[in-house]
C-alpha atoms as a PDB file:
ATOM      1  CA  UNK A   1      -9.873  17.955   6.418  1.00  0.00           C
ATOM      2  CA  UNK A   2     -11.866  17.330   3.279  1.00  0.00           C
ATOM      3  CA  UNK A   3     -15.593  17.191   2.630  1.00  0.00           C
ATOM      4  CA  UNK A   4     -17.104  14.422   0.650  1.00  0.00           C
ATOM      5  CA  UNK A   5     -20.822  14.294  -0.079  1.00  0.00           C
ATOM      6  CA  UNK A   6     -22.584  11.082  -0.425  1.00  0.00           C
ATOM      7  CA  UNK A   7     -26.176  10.210  -1.194  1.00  0.00           C
ATOM      8  CA  UNK A   8     -27.535   7.136   0.216  1.00  0.00           C
ATOM      9  CA  UNK A   9     -30.598   5.569  -1.221  1.00  0.00           C
ATOM     10  CA  UNK A  10     -32.494   3.187   1.416  1.00  0.00           C
ATOM     11  CA  UNK A  11     -35.711   1.222   1.472  1.00  0.00           C
ATOM     12  CA  UNK A  12     -38.509   2.916   2.985  1.00  0.00           C
ATOM     13  CA  UNK A  13     -38.784   0.292   5.763  1.00  0.00           C
ATOM     14  CA  UNK A  14     -35.225   0.656   6.722  1.00  0.00           C
ATOM     15  CA  UNK A  15     -35.473   4.436   6.841  1.00  0.00           C
ATOM     16  CA  UNK A  16     -38.499   4.123   9.126  1.00  0.00           C
ATOM     17  CA  UNK A  17     -36.726   1.748  11.460  1.00  0.00           C
ATOM     18  CA  UNK A  18     -33.556   3.564  11.546  1.00  0.00           C
ATOM     19  CA  UNK A  19     -35.490   6.890  12.444  1.00  0.00           C
ATOM     20  CA  UNK A  20     -37.389   5.281  15.221  1.00  0.00           C
ATOM     21  CA  UNK A  21     -34.184   3.995  16.625  1.00  0.00           C
ATOM     22  CA  UNK A  22     -32.538   7.445  16.283  1.00  0.00           C
ATOM     23  CA  UNK A  23     -29.483   6.209  14.197  1.00  0.00           C
ATOM     24  CA  UNK A  24     -30.352   8.051  10.896  1.00  0.00           C
ATOM     25  CA  UNK A  25     -28.880  11.376  11.925  1.00  0.00           C
ATOM     26  CA  UNK A  26     -26.126  12.715   9.805  1.00  0.00           C
ATOM     27  CA  UNK A  27     -23.616  12.324  12.682  1.00  0.00           C
ATOM     28  CA  UNK A  28     -24.469   8.677  13.236  1.00  0.00           C
ATOM     29  CA  UNK A  29     -23.885   7.938   9.489  1.00  0.00           C
ATOM     30  CA  UNK A  30     -20.638   9.709   9.445  1.00  0.00           C
ATOM     31  CA  UNK A  31     -19.357   7.812  12.348  1.00  0.00           C
ATOM     32  CA  UNK A  32     -20.417   4.561  10.903  1.00  0.00           C
ATOM     33  CA  UNK A  33     -18.852   5.353   7.579  1.00  0.00           C
ATOM     34  CA  UNK A  34     -15.623   6.685   9.228  1.00  0.00           C
ATOM     35  CA  UNK A  35     -15.438   3.309  11.263  1.00  0.00           C
ATOM     36  CA  UNK A  36     -16.035   1.121   8.078  1.00  0.00           C
ATOM     37  CA  UNK A  37     -13.424   2.994   6.086  1.00  0.00           C
ATOM     38  CA  UNK A  38     -10.792   2.648   8.917  1.00  0.00           C
ATOM     39  CA  UNK A  39     -11.641  -1.064   9.153  1.00  0.00           C
ATOM     40  CA  UNK A  40     -11.186  -1.571   5.371  1.00  0.00           C
ATOM     41  CA  UNK A  41      -8.016   0.282   5.393  1.00  0.00           C
ATOM     42  CA  UNK A  42      -6.633  -1.847   8.416  1.00  0.00           C
ATOM     43  CA  UNK A  43      -7.723  -4.937   6.374  1.00  0.00           C
ATOM     44  CA  UNK A  44      -6.051  -3.928   3.379  1.00  0.00           C
ATOM     45  CA  UNK A  45      -2.814  -2.979   5.371  1.00  0.00           C
ATOM     46  CA  UNK A  46      -2.807  -6.425   6.901  1.00  0.00           C
ATOM     47  CA  UNK A  47      -3.454  -8.219   3.607  1.00  0.00           C
ATOM     48  CA  UNK A  48      -0.355 -10.108   2.261  1.00  0.00           C
ATOM     49  CA  UNK A  49      -1.520  -9.821  -1.411  1.00  0.00           C
ATOM     50  CA  UNK A  50      -2.205  -5.904  -0.973  1.00  0.00           C
ATOM     51  CA  UNK A  51       1.378  -5.578   0.618  1.00  0.00           C
ATOM     52  CA  UNK A  52       2.971  -7.312  -2.307  1.00  0.00           C
ATOM     53  CA  UNK A  53       1.014  -5.218  -4.590  1.00  0.00           C
ATOM     54  CA  UNK A  54       1.842  -1.959  -2.936  1.00  0.00           C
ATOM     55  CA  UNK A  55       5.583  -3.100  -2.722  1.00  0.00           C
ATOM     56  CA  UNK A  56       5.564  -3.732  -6.536  1.00  0.00           C
ATOM     57  CA  UNK A  57       3.993  -0.243  -7.280  1.00  0.00           C
ATOM     58  CA  UNK A  58       6.781   1.347  -5.043  1.00  0.00           C
ATOM     59  CA  UNK A  59       9.184  -0.504  -7.239  1.00  0.00           C
ATOM     60  CA  UNK A  60       7.667   0.491 -10.503  1.00  0.00           C
ATOM     61  CA  UNK A  61       7.170   4.111  -9.489  1.00  0.00           C
ATOM     62  CA  UNK A  62      10.508   4.540  -7.271  1.00  0.00           C
ATOM     63  CA  UNK A  63      12.158   5.861 -10.284  1.00  0.00           C
ATOM     64  CA  UNK A  64       9.822   8.973 -10.239  1.00  0.00           C
ATOM     65  CA  UNK A  65      11.106   9.733  -6.638  1.00  0.00           C
ATOM     66  CA  UNK A  66      14.528  10.114  -8.050  1.00  0.00           C
ATOM     67  CA  UNK A  67      13.261  12.383 -10.691  1.00  0.00           C
ATOM     68  CA  UNK A  68      12.064  14.854  -7.954  1.00  0.00           C
ATOM     69  CA  UNK A  69       8.573  14.126  -8.602  1.00  0.00           C
ATOM     70  CA  UNK A  70       7.767  13.464  -4.922  1.00  0.00           C
ATOM     71  CA  UNK A  71       8.528  16.948  -4.105  1.00  0.00           C
ATOM     72  CA  UNK A  72       5.859  19.532  -3.888  1.00  0.00           C
END
């Protein structure tokens, strides 16, 4: 697993409200971000335009696979 450091700047009123609700912890924010990223990835995977673009990229770079560039 990789670590990513994110700085979030929020309006003071929102910080106070989130703090009072107990949803400003690192654990809670991490869970929200993970859920949002997963939802965005799923939306991209189901987007026909995105699928076409990914297929086009695969065609364009497929030659690199034949050159052995996909091997570590």
